[in-house]
Amino acid sequence: MKHPVDVHVGKRVRHRRWMLGMTQQQLAEQVGIKFQQIQKYETGMNRISASRLWDIADAVDVPVAFFFEGMDGDDGKSPQPTGTVPGDILADKEALELVRSYYAIPENQRRRLFELARVLSEVA
């Protein structure tokens, strides 16, 4: 049976890898394991040891604590108030693609787009 913490940590690994546009194979090579092991980690099927999590954090350039962010005991069954961001925004592939695309925009244009989005959200 999968432990909820292992599932959460695995999701955070997958989301960070997606944000970087990195494949499972690329992450596996940086960590020194086979990509099938990354698949098992990301689904929570296999538990990630502390030393392996350290290596993964180094490969995706985040602190180890990143993988535990959002572990607040919320079961995800409580209704989400309208107009708020879901707790696991990184689970949405469209949101991930939007963030990846956003950071591909040159900085000056990105700043203008950010301001536009802020104004539009205040109007809604």
PDB file of N, CA and C in Angstrom:
ATOM      1  N   MET A   1       0.838  -1.191   0.000  1.00  0.00           N
ATOM      2  CA  MET A   1       0.000   0.000   0.000  1.00  0.00           C
ATOM      3  C   MET A   1       0.880   1.251   0.000  1.00  0.00           C
ATOM      4  N   LYS A   2       0.522   2.201  -0.829  1.00  0.00           N
ATOM      5  CA  LYS A   2       1.302   3.437  -0.921  1.00  0.00           C
ATOM      6  C   LYS A   2       1.038   4.331   0.285  1.00  0.00           C
ATOM      7  N   HIS A   3       2.090   4.890   0.827  1.00  0.00           N
ATOM      8  CA  HIS A   3       1.953   5.831   1.934  1.00  0.00           C
ATOM      9  C   HIS A   3       1.691   7.218   1.350  1.00  0.00           C
ATOM     10  N   PRO A   4       0.760   7.998   1.923  1.00  0.00           N
ATOM     11  CA  PRO A   4       0.431   9.321   1.377  1.00  0.00           C
ATOM     12  C   PRO A   4       1.635  10.256   1.260  1.00  0.00           C
ATOM     13  N   VAL A   5       2.589  10.152   2.167  1.00  0.00           N
ATOM     14  CA  VAL A   5       3.781  11.008   2.090  1.00  0.00           C
ATOM     15  C   VAL A   5       4.619  10.627   0.877  1.00  0.00           C
ATOM     16  N   ASP A   6       4.759   9.334   0.612  1.00  0.00           N
ATOM     17  CA  ASP A   6       5.529   8.895  -0.557  1.00  0.00           C
ATOM     18  C   ASP A   6       4.864   9.359  -1.848  1.00  0.00           C
ATOM     19  N   VAL A   7       3.540   9.304  -1.886  1.00  0.00           N
ATOM     20  CA  VAL A   7       2.798   9.770  -3.067  1.00  0.00           C
ATOM     21  C   VAL A   7       3.004  11.268  -3.252  1.00  0.00           C
ATOM     22  N   HIS A   8       2.910  12.033  -2.155  1.00  0.00           N
ATOM     23  CA  HIS A   8       3.082  13.488  -2.221  1.00  0.00           C
ATOM     24  C   HIS A   8       4.488  13.858  -2.698  1.00  0.00           C
ATOM     25  N   VAL A   9       5.490  13.246  -2.100  1.00  0.00           N
ATOM     26  CA  VAL A   9       6.879  13.525  -2.478  1.00  0.00           C
ATOM     27  C   VAL A   9       7.101  13.160  -3.951  1.00  0.00           C
ATOM     28  N   GLY A  10       6.570  12.028  -4.375  1.00  0.00           N
ATOM     29  CA  GLY A  10       6.696  11.611  -5.772  1.00  0.00           C
ATOM     30  C   GLY A  10       6.062  12.612  -6.729  1.00  0.00           C
ATOM     31  N   LYS A  11       4.889  13.138  -6.352  1.00  0.00           N
ATOM     32  CA  LYS A  11       4.229  14.148  -7.188  1.00  0.00           C
ATOM     33  C   LYS A  11       5.082  15.405  -7.295  1.00  0.00           C
ATOM     34  N   ARG A  12       5.688  15.785  -6.172  1.00  0.00           N
ATOM     35  CA  ARG A  12       6.528  16.993  -6.176  1.00  0.00           C
ATOM     36  C   ARG A  12       7.769  16.786  -7.049  1.00  0.00           C
ATOM     37  N   VAL A  13       8.321  15.575  -7.044  1.00  0.00           N
ATOM     38  CA  VAL A  13       9.459  15.262  -7.920  1.00  0.00           C
ATOM     39  C   VAL A  13       9.011  15.424  -9.369  1.00  0.00           C
ATOM     40  N   ARG A  14       7.885  14.800  -9.723  1.00  0.00           N
ATOM     41  CA  ARG A  14       7.374  14.869 -11.093  1.00  0.00           C
ATOM     42  C   ARG A  14       7.091  16.313 -11.518  1.00  0.00           C
ATOM     43  N   HIS A  15       6.451  17.070 -10.643  1.00  0.00           N
ATOM     44  CA  HIS A  15       6.110  18.451 -10.994  1.00  0.00           C
ATOM     45  C   HIS A  15       7.345  19.315 -11.207  1.00  0.00           C
ATOM     46  N   ARG A  16       8.337  19.142 -10.351  1.00  0.00           N
ATOM     47  CA  ARG A  16       9.571  19.920 -10.518  1.00  0.00           C
ATOM     48  C   ARG A  16      10.270  19.521 -11.818  1.00  0.00           C
ATOM     49  N   ARG A  17      10.289  18.235 -12.112  1.00  0.00           N
ATOM     50  CA  ARG A  17      10.901  17.758 -13.351  1.00  0.00           C
ATOM     51  C   ARG A  17      10.169  18.345 -14.551  1.00  0.00           C
ATOM     52  N   TRP A  18       8.841  18.343 -14.525  1.00  0.00           N
ATOM     53  CA  TRP A  18       8.053  18.931 -15.618  1.00  0.00           C
ATOM     54  C   TRP A  18       8.347  20.417 -15.763  1.00  0.00           C
ATOM     55  N   MET A  19       8.446  21.131 -14.637  1.00  0.00           N
ATOM     56  CA  MET A  19       8.711  22.577 -14.672  1.00  0.00           C
ATOM     57  C   MET A  19      10.038  22.867 -15.364  1.00  0.00           C
ATOM     58  N   LEU A  20      10.971  21.973 -15.204  1.00  0.00           N
ATOM     59  CA  LEU A  20      12.282  22.151 -15.828  1.00  0.00           C
ATOM     60  C   LEU A  20      12.315  21.631 -17.262  1.00  0.00           C
ATOM     61  N   GLY A  21      11.234  20.972 -17.690  1.00  0.00           N
ATOM     62  CA  GLY A  21      11.217  20.386 -19.028  1.00  0.00           C
ATOM     63  C   GLY A  21      12.157  19.194 -19.137  1.00  0.00           C
ATOM     64  N   MET A  22      12.351  18.510 -18.035  1.00  0.00           N
ATOM     65  CA  MET A  22      13.292  17.392 -17.955  1.00  0.00           C
ATOM     66  C   MET A  22      12.532  16.069 -18.099  1.00  0.00           C
ATOM     67  N   THR A  23      13.107  15.123 -18.812  1.00  0.00           N
ATOM     68  CA  THR A  23      12.499  13.804 -18.938  1.00  0.00           C
ATOM     69  C   THR A  23      12.892  12.936 -17.747  1.00  0.00           C
ATOM     70  N   GLN A  24      12.169  11.836 -17.576  1.00  0.00           N
ATOM     71  CA  GLN A  24      12.538  10.887 -16.527  1.00  0.00           C
ATOM     72  C   GLN A  24      13.932  10.333 -16.792  1.00  0.00           C
ATOM     73  N   GLN A  25      14.228  10.098 -18.048  1.00  0.00           N
ATOM     74  CA  GLN A  25      15.546   9.571 -18.413  1.00  0.00           C
ATOM     75  C   GLN A  25      16.651  10.552 -18.021  1.00  0.00           C
ATOM     76  N   GLN A  26      16.446  11.833 -18.303  1.00  0.00           N
ATOM     77  CA  GLN A  26      17.458  12.839 -17.972  1.00  0.00           C
ATOM     78  C   GLN A  26      17.677  12.927 -16.465  1.00  0.00           C
ATOM     79  N   LEU A  27      16.588  12.913 -15.694  1.00  0.00           N
ATOM     80  CA  LEU A  27      16.726  12.962 -14.239  1.00  0.00           C
ATOM     81  C   LEU A  27      17.433  11.709 -13.732  1.00  0.00           C
ATOM     82  N   ALA A  28      17.037  10.569 -14.264  1.00  0.00           N
ATOM     83  CA  ALA A  28      17.656   9.307 -13.844  1.00  0.00           C
ATOM     84  C   ALA A  28      19.165   9.322 -14.102  1.00  0.00           C
ATOM     85  N   GLU A  29      19.566   9.814 -15.257  1.00  0.00           N
ATOM     86  CA  GLU A  29      20.992   9.878 -15.582  1.00  0.00           C
ATOM     87  C   GLU A  29      21.738  10.788 -14.620  1.00  0.00           C
ATOM     88  N   GLN A  30      21.134  11.922 -14.259  1.00  0.00           N
ATOM     89  CA  GLN A  30      21.800  12.842 -13.331  1.00  0.00           C
ATOM     90  C   GLN A  30      21.936  12.232 -11.940  1.00  0.00           C
ATOM     91  N   VAL A  31      20.968  11.410 -11.564  1.00  0.00           N
ATOM     92  CA  VAL A  31      20.975  10.814 -10.238  1.00  0.00           C
ATOM     93  C   VAL A  31      21.753   9.496 -10.221  1.00  0.00           C
ATOM     94  N   GLY A  32      21.919   8.879 -11.393  1.00  0.00           N
ATOM     95  CA  GLY A  32      22.673   7.642 -11.472  1.00  0.00           C
ATOM     96  C   GLY A  32      21.838   6.386 -11.278  1.00  0.00           C
ATOM     97  N   ILE A  33      20.573   6.454 -11.721  1.00  0.00           N
ATOM     98  CA  ILE A  33      19.684   5.300 -11.620  1.00  0.00           C
ATOM     99  C   ILE A  33      18.966   5.108 -12.958  1.00  0.00           C
ATOM    100  N   LYS A  34      18.131   4.091 -13.061  1.00  0.00           N
ATOM    101  CA  LYS A  34      17.374   3.842 -14.277  1.00  0.00           C
ATOM    102  C   LYS A  34      16.071   4.641 -14.245  1.00  0.00           C
ATOM    103  N   PHE A  35      15.553   5.005 -15.442  1.00  0.00           N
ATOM    104  CA  PHE A  35      14.366   5.841 -15.493  1.00  0.00           C
ATOM    105  C   PHE A  35      13.145   5.133 -14.894  1.00  0.00           C
ATOM    106  N   GLN A  36      13.143   3.793 -14.920  1.00  0.00           N
ATOM    107  CA  GLN A  36      12.023   3.057 -14.334  1.00  0.00           C
ATOM    108  C   GLN A  36      11.907   3.328 -12.835  1.00  0.00           C
ATOM    109  N   GLN A  37      13.064   3.555 -12.198  1.00  0.00           N
ATOM    110  CA  GLN A  37      13.044   3.869 -10.772  1.00  0.00           C
ATOM    111  C   GLN A  37      12.428   5.239 -10.541  1.00  0.00           C
ATOM    112  N   ILE A  38      12.719   6.193 -11.422  1.00  0.00           N
ATOM    113  CA  ILE A  38      12.095   7.518 -11.322  1.00  0.00           C
ATOM    114  C   ILE A  38      10.585   7.366 -11.453  1.00  0.00           C
ATOM    115  N   GLN A  39      10.124   6.529 -12.389  1.00  0.00           N
ATOM    116  CA  GLN A  39       8.685   6.283 -12.551  1.00  0.00           C
ATOM    117  C   GLN A  39       8.073   5.781 -11.251  1.00  0.00           C
ATOM    118  N   LYS A  40       8.740   4.849 -10.610  1.00  0.00           N
ATOM    119  CA  LYS A  40       8.225   4.285  -9.364  1.00  0.00           C
ATOM    120  C   LYS A  40       8.212   5.318  -8.246  1.00  0.00           C
ATOM    121  N   TYR A  41       9.241   6.166  -8.194  1.00  0.00           N
ATOM    122  CA  TYR A  41       9.261   7.238  -7.201  1.00  0.00           C
ATOM    123  C   TYR A  41       8.108   8.203  -7.426  1.00  0.00           C
ATOM    124  N   GLU A  42       7.909   8.598  -8.672  1.00  0.00           N
ATOM    125  CA  GLU A  42       6.911   9.620  -8.984  1.00  0.00           C
ATOM    126  C   GLU A  42       5.487   9.158  -8.709  1.00  0.00           C
ATOM    127  N   THR A  43       5.230   7.874  -8.765  1.00  0.00           N
ATOM    128  CA  THR A  43       3.895   7.356  -8.468  1.00  0.00           C
ATOM    129  C   THR A  43       3.733   7.019  -6.989  1.00  0.00           C
ATOM    130  N   GLY A  44       4.814   7.059  -6.239  1.00  0.00           N
ATOM    131  CA  GLY A  44       4.763   6.698  -4.833  1.00  0.00           C
ATOM    132  C   GLY A  44       4.837   5.193  -4.626  1.00  0.00           C
ATOM    133  N   MET A  45       5.048   4.450  -5.704  1.00  0.00           N
ATOM    134  CA  MET A  45       5.147   2.988  -5.604  1.00  0.00           C
ATOM    135  C   MET A  45       6.371   2.599  -4.779  1.00  0.00           C
ATOM    136  N   ASN A  46       7.479   3.299  -4.988  1.00  0.00           N
ATOM    137  CA  ASN A  46       8.695   3.070  -4.197  1.00  0.00           C
ATOM    138  C   ASN A  46       8.985   4.303  -3.354  1.00  0.00           C
ATOM    139  N   ARG A  47       9.419   4.056  -2.151  1.00  0.00           N
ATOM    140  CA  ARG A  47       9.794   5.130  -1.227  1.00  0.00           C
ATOM    141  C   ARG A  47      11.188   5.626  -1.586  1.00  0.00           C
ATOM    142  N   ILE A  48      11.400   6.931  -1.523  1.00  0.00           N
ATOM    143  CA  ILE A  48      12.702   7.523  -1.847  1.00  0.00           C
ATOM    144  C   ILE A  48      13.517   7.642  -0.567  1.00  0.00           C
ATOM    145  N   SER A  49      14.711   7.075  -0.570  1.00  0.00           N
ATOM    146  CA  SER A  49      15.567   7.177   0.610  1.00  0.00           C
ATOM    147  C   SER A  49      16.047   8.622   0.769  1.00  0.00           C
ATOM    148  N   ALA A  50      16.518   8.937   1.952  1.00  0.00           N
ATOM    149  CA  ALA A  50      16.995  10.297   2.240  1.00  0.00           C
ATOM    150  C   ALA A  50      18.145  10.693   1.321  1.00  0.00           C
ATOM    151  N   SER A  51      19.093   9.791   1.116  1.00  0.00           N
ATOM    152  CA  SER A  51      20.240  10.133   0.268  1.00  0.00           C
ATOM    153  C   SER A  51      19.822  10.295  -1.191  1.00  0.00           C
ATOM    154  N   ARG A  52      18.881   9.477  -1.654  1.00  0.00           N
ATOM    155  CA  ARG A  52      18.411   9.594  -3.036  1.00  0.00           C
ATOM    156  C   ARG A  52      17.614  10.889  -3.207  1.00  0.00           C
ATOM    157  N   LEU A  53      16.802  11.239  -2.192  1.00  0.00           N
ATOM    158  CA  LEU A  53      16.048  12.485  -2.265  1.00  0.00           C
ATOM    159  C   LEU A  53      16.998  13.680  -2.305  1.00  0.00           C
ATOM    160  N   TRP A  54      18.095  13.577  -1.583  1.00  0.00           N
ATOM    161  CA  TRP A  54      19.117  14.625  -1.600  1.00  0.00           C
ATOM    162  C   TRP A  54      19.687  14.773  -3.016  1.00  0.00           C
ATOM    163  N   ASP A  55      19.984  13.641  -3.653  1.00  0.00           N
ATOM    164  CA  ASP A  55      20.524  13.658  -5.016  1.00  0.00           C
ATOM    165  C   ASP A  55      19.515  14.228  -6.013  1.00  0.00           C
ATOM    166  N   ILE A  56      18.256  13.855  -5.852  1.00  0.00           N
ATOM    167  CA  ILE A  56      17.208  14.371  -6.744  1.00  0.00           C
ATOM    168  C   ILE A  56      17.051  15.869  -6.550  1.00  0.00           C
ATOM    169  N   ALA A  57      17.039  16.316  -5.304  1.00  0.00           N
ATOM    170  CA  ALA A  57      16.924  17.751  -5.019  1.00  0.00           C
ATOM    171  C   ALA A  57      18.065  18.524  -5.671  1.00  0.00           C
ATOM    172  N   ASP A  58      19.265  17.962  -5.595  1.00  0.00           N
ATOM    173  CA  ASP A  58      20.421  18.591  -6.218  1.00  0.00           C
ATOM    174  C   ASP A  58      20.259  18.643  -7.742  1.00  0.00           C
ATOM    175  N   ALA A  59      19.746  17.568  -8.327  1.00  0.00           N
ATOM    176  CA  ALA A  59      19.593  17.490  -9.784  1.00  0.00           C
ATOM    177  C   ALA A  59      18.551  18.473 -10.312  1.00  0.00           C
ATOM    178  N   VAL A  60      17.511  18.741  -9.506  1.00  0.00           N
ATOM    179  CA  VAL A  60      16.447  19.652  -9.965  1.00  0.00           C
ATOM    180  C   VAL A  60      16.549  21.018  -9.291  1.00  0.00           C
ATOM    181  N   ASP A  61      17.650  21.248  -8.576  1.00  0.00           N
ATOM    182  CA  ASP A  61      17.997  22.547  -8.006  1.00  0.00           C
ATOM    183  C   ASP A  61      16.936  23.110  -7.054  1.00  0.00           C
ATOM    184  N   VAL A  62      16.534  22.295  -6.084  1.00  0.00           N
ATOM    185  CA  VAL A  62      15.630  22.752  -5.028  1.00  0.00           C
ATOM    186  C   VAL A  62      16.133  22.200  -3.701  1.00  0.00           C
ATOM    187  N   PRO A  63      15.746  22.834  -2.579  1.00  0.00           N
ATOM    188  CA  PRO A  63      16.091  22.239  -1.288  1.00  0.00           C
ATOM    189  C   PRO A  63      15.227  21.001  -1.055  1.00  0.00           C
ATOM    190  N   VAL A  64      15.693  20.082  -0.244  1.00  0.00           N
ATOM    191  CA  VAL A  64      14.952  18.858   0.046  1.00  0.00           C
ATOM    192  C   VAL A  64      13.556  19.190   0.593  1.00  0.00           C
ATOM    193  N   ALA A  65      13.453  20.251   1.358  1.00  0.00           N
ATOM    194  CA  ALA A  65      12.162  20.635   1.947  1.00  0.00           C
ATOM    195  C   ALA A  65      11.094  20.910   0.878  1.00  0.00           C
ATOM    196  N   PHE A  66      11.507  21.258  -0.325  1.00  0.00           N
ATOM    197  CA  PHE A  66      10.566  21.517  -1.421  1.00  0.00           C
ATOM    198  C   PHE A  66       9.604  20.354  -1.609  1.00  0.00           C
ATOM    199  N   PHE A  67      10.101  19.138  -1.474  1.00  0.00           N
ATOM    200  CA  PHE A  67       9.300  17.955  -1.742  1.00  0.00           C
ATOM    201  C   PHE A  67       8.219  17.718  -0.690  1.00  0.00           C
ATOM    202  N   PHE A  68       8.341  18.378   0.457  1.00  0.00           N
ATOM    203  CA  PHE A  68       7.364  18.203   1.526  1.00  0.00           C
ATOM    204  C   PHE A  68       6.405  19.384   1.643  1.00  0.00           C
ATOM    205  N   GLU A  69       6.608  20.418   0.846  1.00  0.00           N
ATOM    206  CA  GLU A  69       5.710  21.568   0.878  1.00  0.00           C
ATOM    207  C   GLU A  69       4.303  21.120   0.522  1.00  0.00           C
ATOM    208  N   GLY A  70       3.337  21.653   1.249  1.00  0.00           N
ATOM    209  CA  GLY A  70       1.952  21.296   0.999  1.00  0.00           C
ATOM    210  C   GLY A  70       1.466  20.111   1.811  1.00  0.00           C
ATOM    211  N   MET A  71       2.329  19.529   2.627  1.00  0.00           N
ATOM    212  CA  MET A  71       1.921  18.400   3.481  1.00  0.00           C
ATOM    213  C   MET A  71       1.286  18.977   4.747  1.00  0.00           C
ATOM    214  N   ASP A  72       0.050  19.400   4.640  1.00  0.00           N
ATOM    215  CA  ASP A  72      -0.607  20.016   5.786  1.00  0.00           C
ATOM    216  C   ASP A  72      -1.703  19.147   6.379  1.00  0.00           C
ATOM    217  N   GLY A  73      -1.823  17.911   5.888  1.00  0.00           N
ATOM    218  CA  GLY A  73      -2.848  17.021   6.418  1.00  0.00           C
ATOM    219  C   GLY A  73      -4.193  17.191   5.751  1.00  0.00           C
ATOM    220  N   ASP A  74      -4.316  18.111   4.787  1.00  0.00           N
ATOM    221  CA  ASP A  74      -5.566  18.306   4.067  1.00  0.00           C
ATOM    222  C   ASP A  74      -5.809  17.094   3.185  1.00  0.00           C
ATOM    223  N   ASP A  75      -6.985  16.513   3.303  1.00  0.00           N
ATOM    224  CA  ASP A  75      -7.287  15.321   2.516  1.00  0.00           C
ATOM    225  C   ASP A  75      -7.755  15.643   1.114  1.00  0.00           C
ATOM    226  N   GLY A  76      -7.896  16.913   0.790  1.00  0.00           N
ATOM    227  CA  GLY A  76      -8.299  17.311  -0.556  1.00  0.00           C
ATOM    228  C   GLY A  76      -9.778  17.152  -0.808  1.00  0.00           C
ATOM    229  N   LYS A  77     -10.546  16.743   0.215  1.00  0.00           N
ATOM    230  CA  LYS A  77     -11.967  16.527   0.030  1.00  0.00           C
ATOM    231  C   LYS A  77     -12.796  17.741   0.407  1.00  0.00           C
ATOM    232  N   SER A  78     -12.192  18.692   1.092  1.00  0.00           N
ATOM    233  CA  SER A  78     -12.950  19.882   1.463  1.00  0.00           C
ATOM    234  C   SER A  78     -13.162  20.752   0.237  1.00  0.00           C
ATOM    235  N   PRO A  79     -14.325  21.383   0.137  1.00  0.00           N
ATOM    236  CA  PRO A  79     -14.600  22.198  -1.047  1.00  0.00           C
ATOM    237  C   PRO A  79     -13.646  23.379  -1.143  1.00  0.00           C
ATOM    238  N   GLN A  80     -13.292  23.724  -2.357  1.00  0.00           N
ATOM    239  CA  GLN A  80     -12.383  24.838  -2.610  1.00  0.00           C
ATOM    240  C   GLN A  80     -13.231  26.086  -2.839  1.00  0.00           C
ATOM    241  N   PRO A  81     -13.011  27.169  -2.074  1.00  0.00           N
ATOM    242  CA  PRO A  81     -13.783  28.377  -2.311  1.00  0.00           C
ATOM    243  C   PRO A  81     -13.580  28.884  -3.738  1.00  0.00           C
ATOM    244  N   THR A  82     -14.618  29.431  -4.306  1.00  0.00           N
ATOM    245  CA  THR A  82     -14.557  29.950  -5.669  1.00  0.00           C
ATOM    246  C   THR A  82     -13.521  31.057  -5.768  1.00  0.00           C
ATOM    247  N   GLY A  83     -12.746  31.025  -6.857  1.00  0.00           N
ATOM    248  CA  GLY A  83     -11.769  32.081  -7.100  1.00  0.00           C
ATOM    249  C   GLY A  83     -10.436  31.858  -6.421  1.00  0.00           C
ATOM    250  N   THR A  84     -10.266  30.730  -5.737  1.00  0.00           N
ATOM    251  CA  THR A  84      -8.977  30.469  -5.105  1.00  0.00           C
ATOM    252  C   THR A  84      -8.232  29.416  -5.900  1.00  0.00           C
ATOM    253  N   VAL A  85      -6.952  29.354  -5.652  1.00  0.00           N
ATOM    254  CA  VAL A  85      -6.094  28.408  -6.357  1.00  0.00           C
ATOM    255  C   VAL A  85      -6.145  27.076  -5.619  1.00  0.00           C
ATOM    256  N   PRO A  86      -6.315  25.947  -6.343  1.00  0.00           N
ATOM    257  CA  PRO A  86      -6.322  24.655  -5.663  1.00  0.00           C
ATOM    258  C   PRO A  86      -4.996  24.403  -4.956  1.00  0.00           C
ATOM    259  N   GLY A  87      -5.034  23.627  -3.883  1.00  0.00           N
ATOM    260  CA  GLY A  87      -3.837  23.349  -3.098  1.00  0.00           C
ATOM    261  C   GLY A  87      -2.730  22.696  -3.896  1.00  0.00           C
ATOM    262  N   ASP A  88      -3.086  21.869  -4.867  1.00  0.00           N
ATOM    263  CA  ASP A  88      -2.086  21.172  -5.669  1.00  0.00           C
ATOM    264  C   ASP A  88      -2.116  21.694  -7.099  1.00  0.00           C
ATOM    265  N   ILE A  89      -1.843  22.981  -7.256  1.00  0.00           N
ATOM    266  CA  ILE A  89      -1.880  23.615  -8.579  1.00  0.00           C
ATOM    267  C   ILE A  89      -0.929  22.936  -9.548  1.00  0.00           C
ATOM    268  N   LEU A  90       0.149  22.360  -9.026  1.00  0.00           N
ATOM    269  CA  LEU A  90       1.123  21.717  -9.902  1.00  0.00           C
ATOM    270  C   LEU A  90       0.626  20.395 -10.468  1.00  0.00           C
ATOM    271  N   ALA A  91      -0.525  19.914  -9.985  1.00  0.00           N
ATOM    272  CA  ALA A  91      -1.089  18.684 -10.532  1.00  0.00           C
ATOM    273  C   ALA A  91      -1.764  18.944 -11.873  1.00  0.00           C
ATOM    274  N   ASP A  92      -2.020  20.201 -12.186  1.00  0.00           N
ATOM    275  CA  ASP A  92      -2.702  20.567 -13.424  1.00  0.00           C
ATOM    276  C   ASP A  92      -1.667  20.776 -14.526  1.00  0.00           C
ATOM    277  N   LYS A  93      -1.706  19.908 -15.549  1.00  0.00           N
ATOM    278  CA  LYS A  93      -0.718  20.001 -16.633  1.00  0.00           C
ATOM    279  C   LYS A  93      -0.810  21.338 -17.352  1.00  0.00           C
ATOM    280  N   GLU A  94      -2.030  21.870 -17.502  1.00  0.00           N
ATOM    281  CA  GLU A  94      -2.199  23.156 -18.178  1.00  0.00           C
ATOM    282  C   GLU A  94      -1.511  24.267 -17.392  1.00  0.00           C
ATOM    283  N   ALA A  95      -1.629  24.233 -16.067  1.00  0.00           N
ATOM    284  CA  ALA A  95      -0.971  25.237 -15.226  1.00  0.00           C
ATOM    285  C   ALA A  95       0.546  25.126 -15.354  1.00  0.00           C
ATOM    286  N   LEU A  96       1.049  23.909 -15.384  1.00  0.00           N
ATOM    287  CA  LEU A  96       2.492  23.710 -15.540  1.00  0.00           C
ATOM    288  C   LEU A  96       2.974  24.242 -16.883  1.00  0.00           C
ATOM    289  N   GLU A  97       2.221  23.952 -17.924  1.00  0.00           N
ATOM    290  CA  GLU A  97       2.597  24.429 -19.263  1.00  0.00           C
ATOM    291  C   GLU A  97       2.555  25.952 -19.322  1.00  0.00           C
ATOM    292  N   LEU A  98       1.559  26.542 -18.663  1.00  0.00           N
ATOM    293  CA  LEU A  98       1.448  28.002 -18.618  1.00  0.00           C
ATOM    294  C   LEU A  98       2.662  28.617 -17.923  1.00  0.00           C
ATOM    295  N   VAL A  99       3.064  28.040 -16.801  1.00  0.00           N
ATOM    296  CA  VAL A  99       4.222  28.565 -16.068  1.00  0.00           C
ATOM    297  C   VAL A  99       5.495  28.405 -16.891  1.00  0.00           C
ATOM    298  N   ARG A 100       5.646  27.250 -17.522  1.00  0.00           N
ATOM    299  CA  ARG A 100       6.835  27.007 -18.352  1.00  0.00           C
ATOM    300  C   ARG A 100       6.882  28.015 -19.504  1.00  0.00           C
ATOM    301  N   SER A 101       5.740  28.238 -20.140  1.00  0.00           N
ATOM    302  CA  SER A 101       5.671  29.197 -21.250  1.00  0.00           C
ATOM    303  C   SER A 101       5.937  30.613 -20.761  1.00  0.00           C
ATOM    304  N   TYR A 102       5.396  30.945 -19.605  1.00  0.00           N
ATOM    305  CA  TYR A 102       5.577  32.279 -19.021  1.00  0.00           C
ATOM    306  C   TYR A 102       7.062  32.597 -18.848  1.00  0.00           C
ATOM    307  N   TYR A 103       7.810  31.643 -18.318  1.00  0.00           N
ATOM    308  CA  TYR A 103       9.232  31.886 -18.088  1.00  0.00           C
ATOM    309  C   TYR A 103      10.066  31.835 -19.360  1.00  0.00           C
ATOM    310  N   ALA A 104       9.469  31.400 -20.458  1.00  0.00           N
ATOM    311  CA  ALA A 104      10.171  31.420 -21.737  1.00  0.00           C
ATOM    312  C   ALA A 104      10.073  32.794 -22.405  1.00  0.00           C
ATOM    313  N   ILE A 105       9.195  33.651 -21.903  1.00  0.00           N
ATOM    314  CA  ILE A 105       9.000  34.996 -22.450  1.00  0.00           C
ATOM    315  C   ILE A 105      10.119  35.904 -21.937  1.00  0.00           C
ATOM    316  N   PRO A 106      10.647  36.785 -22.779  1.00  0.00           N
ATOM    317  CA  PRO A 106      11.671  37.731 -22.302  1.00  0.00           C
ATOM    318  C   PRO A 106      11.166  38.530 -21.093  1.00  0.00           C
ATOM    319  N   GLU A 107      12.084  38.852 -20.197  1.00  0.00           N
ATOM    320  CA  GLU A 107      11.713  39.433 -18.907  1.00  0.00           C
ATOM    321  C   GLU A 107      10.850  40.688 -19.000  1.00  0.00           C
ATOM    322  N   ASN A 108      11.178  41.619 -19.892  1.00  0.00           N
ATOM    323  CA  ASN A 108      10.390  42.856 -19.961  1.00  0.00           C
ATOM    324  C   ASN A 108       8.959  42.577 -20.416  1.00  0.00           C
ATOM    325  N   GLN A 109       8.792  41.670 -21.368  1.00  0.00           N
ATOM    326  CA  GLN A 109       7.448  41.311 -21.822  1.00  0.00           C
ATOM    327  C   GLN A 109       6.720  40.492 -20.762  1.00  0.00           C
ATOM    328  N   ARG A 110       7.456  39.670 -20.052  1.00  0.00           N
ATOM    329  CA  ARG A 110       6.874  38.855 -18.991  1.00  0.00           C
ATOM    330  C   ARG A 110       6.303  39.750 -17.895  1.00  0.00           C
ATOM    331  N   ARG A 111       7.021  40.798 -17.562  1.00  0.00           N
ATOM    332  CA  ARG A 111       6.553  41.731 -16.518  1.00  0.00           C
ATOM    333  C   ARG A 111       5.246  42.389 -16.949  1.00  0.00           C
ATOM    334  N   ARG A 112       5.165  42.768 -18.213  1.00  0.00           N
ATOM    335  CA  ARG A 112       3.936  43.403 -18.732  1.00  0.00           C
ATOM    336  C   ARG A 112       2.774  42.411 -18.716  1.00  0.00           C
ATOM    337  N   LEU A 113       3.054  41.182 -19.081  1.00  0.00           N
ATOM    338  CA  LEU A 113       2.025  40.145 -19.061  1.00  0.00           C
ATOM    339  C   LEU A 113       1.541  39.899 -17.629  1.00  0.00           C
ATOM    340  N   PHE A 114       2.460  39.899 -16.695  1.00  0.00           N
ATOM    341  CA  PHE A 114       2.113  39.713 -15.291  1.00  0.00           C
ATOM    342  C   PHE A 114       1.172  40.822 -14.818  1.00  0.00           C
ATOM    343  N   GLU A 115       1.501  42.050 -15.150  1.00  0.00           N
ATOM    344  CA  GLU A 115       0.653  43.184 -14.755  1.00  0.00           C
ATOM    345  C   GLU A 115      -0.732  43.081 -15.383  1.00  0.00           C
ATOM    346  N   LEU A 116      -0.801  42.657 -16.654  1.00  0.00           N
ATOM    347  CA  LEU A 116      -2.080  42.469 -17.322  1.00  0.00           C
ATOM    348  C   LEU A 116      -2.902  41.399 -16.587  1.00  0.00           C
ATOM    349  N   ALA A 117      -2.284  40.285 -16.247  1.00  0.00           N
ATOM    350  CA  ALA A 117      -2.974  39.213 -15.562  1.00  0.00           C
ATOM    351  C   ALA A 117      -3.488  39.698 -14.203  1.00  0.00           C
ATOM    352  N   ARG A 118      -2.700  40.485 -13.496  1.00  0.00           N
ATOM    353  CA  ARG A 118      -3.117  41.002 -12.205  1.00  0.00           C
ATOM    354  C   ARG A 118      -4.351  41.890 -12.357  1.00  0.00           C
ATOM    355  N   VAL A 119      -4.342  42.781 -13.334  1.00  0.00           N
ATOM    356  CA  VAL A 119      -5.488  43.671 -13.567  1.00  0.00           C
ATOM    357  C   VAL A 119      -6.723  42.843 -13.939  1.00  0.00           C
ATOM    358  N   LEU A 120      -6.567  41.872 -14.828  1.00  0.00           N
ATOM    359  CA  LEU A 120      -7.695  41.044 -15.241  1.00  0.00           C
ATOM    360  C   LEU A 120      -8.283  40.249 -14.072  1.00  0.00           C
ATOM    361  N   SER A 121      -7.426  39.772 -13.175  1.00  0.00           N
ATOM    362  CA  SER A 121      -7.929  39.001 -12.033  1.00  0.00           C
ATOM    363  C   SER A 121      -8.690  39.890 -11.051  1.00  0.00           C
ATOM    364  N   GLU A 122      -8.312  41.156 -10.955  1.00  0.00           N
ATOM    365  CA  GLU A 122      -9.010  42.072 -10.060  1.00  0.00           C
ATOM    366  C   GLU A 122     -10.382  42.428 -10.610  1.00  0.00           C
ATOM    367  N   VAL A 123     -10.525  42.448 -11.928  1.00  0.00           N
ATOM    368  CA  VAL A 123     -11.792  42.778 -12.572  1.00  0.00           C
ATOM    369  C   VAL A 123     -12.780  41.622 -12.440  1.00  0.00           C
ATOM    370  N   ALA A 124     -12.264  40.412 -12.481  1.00  0.00           N
ATOM    371  CA  ALA A 124     -13.137  39.216 -12.475  1.00  0.00           C
ATOM    372  C   ALA A 124     -13.864  39.005 -11.178  1.00  0.00           C
TER     373      ALA A 124
END
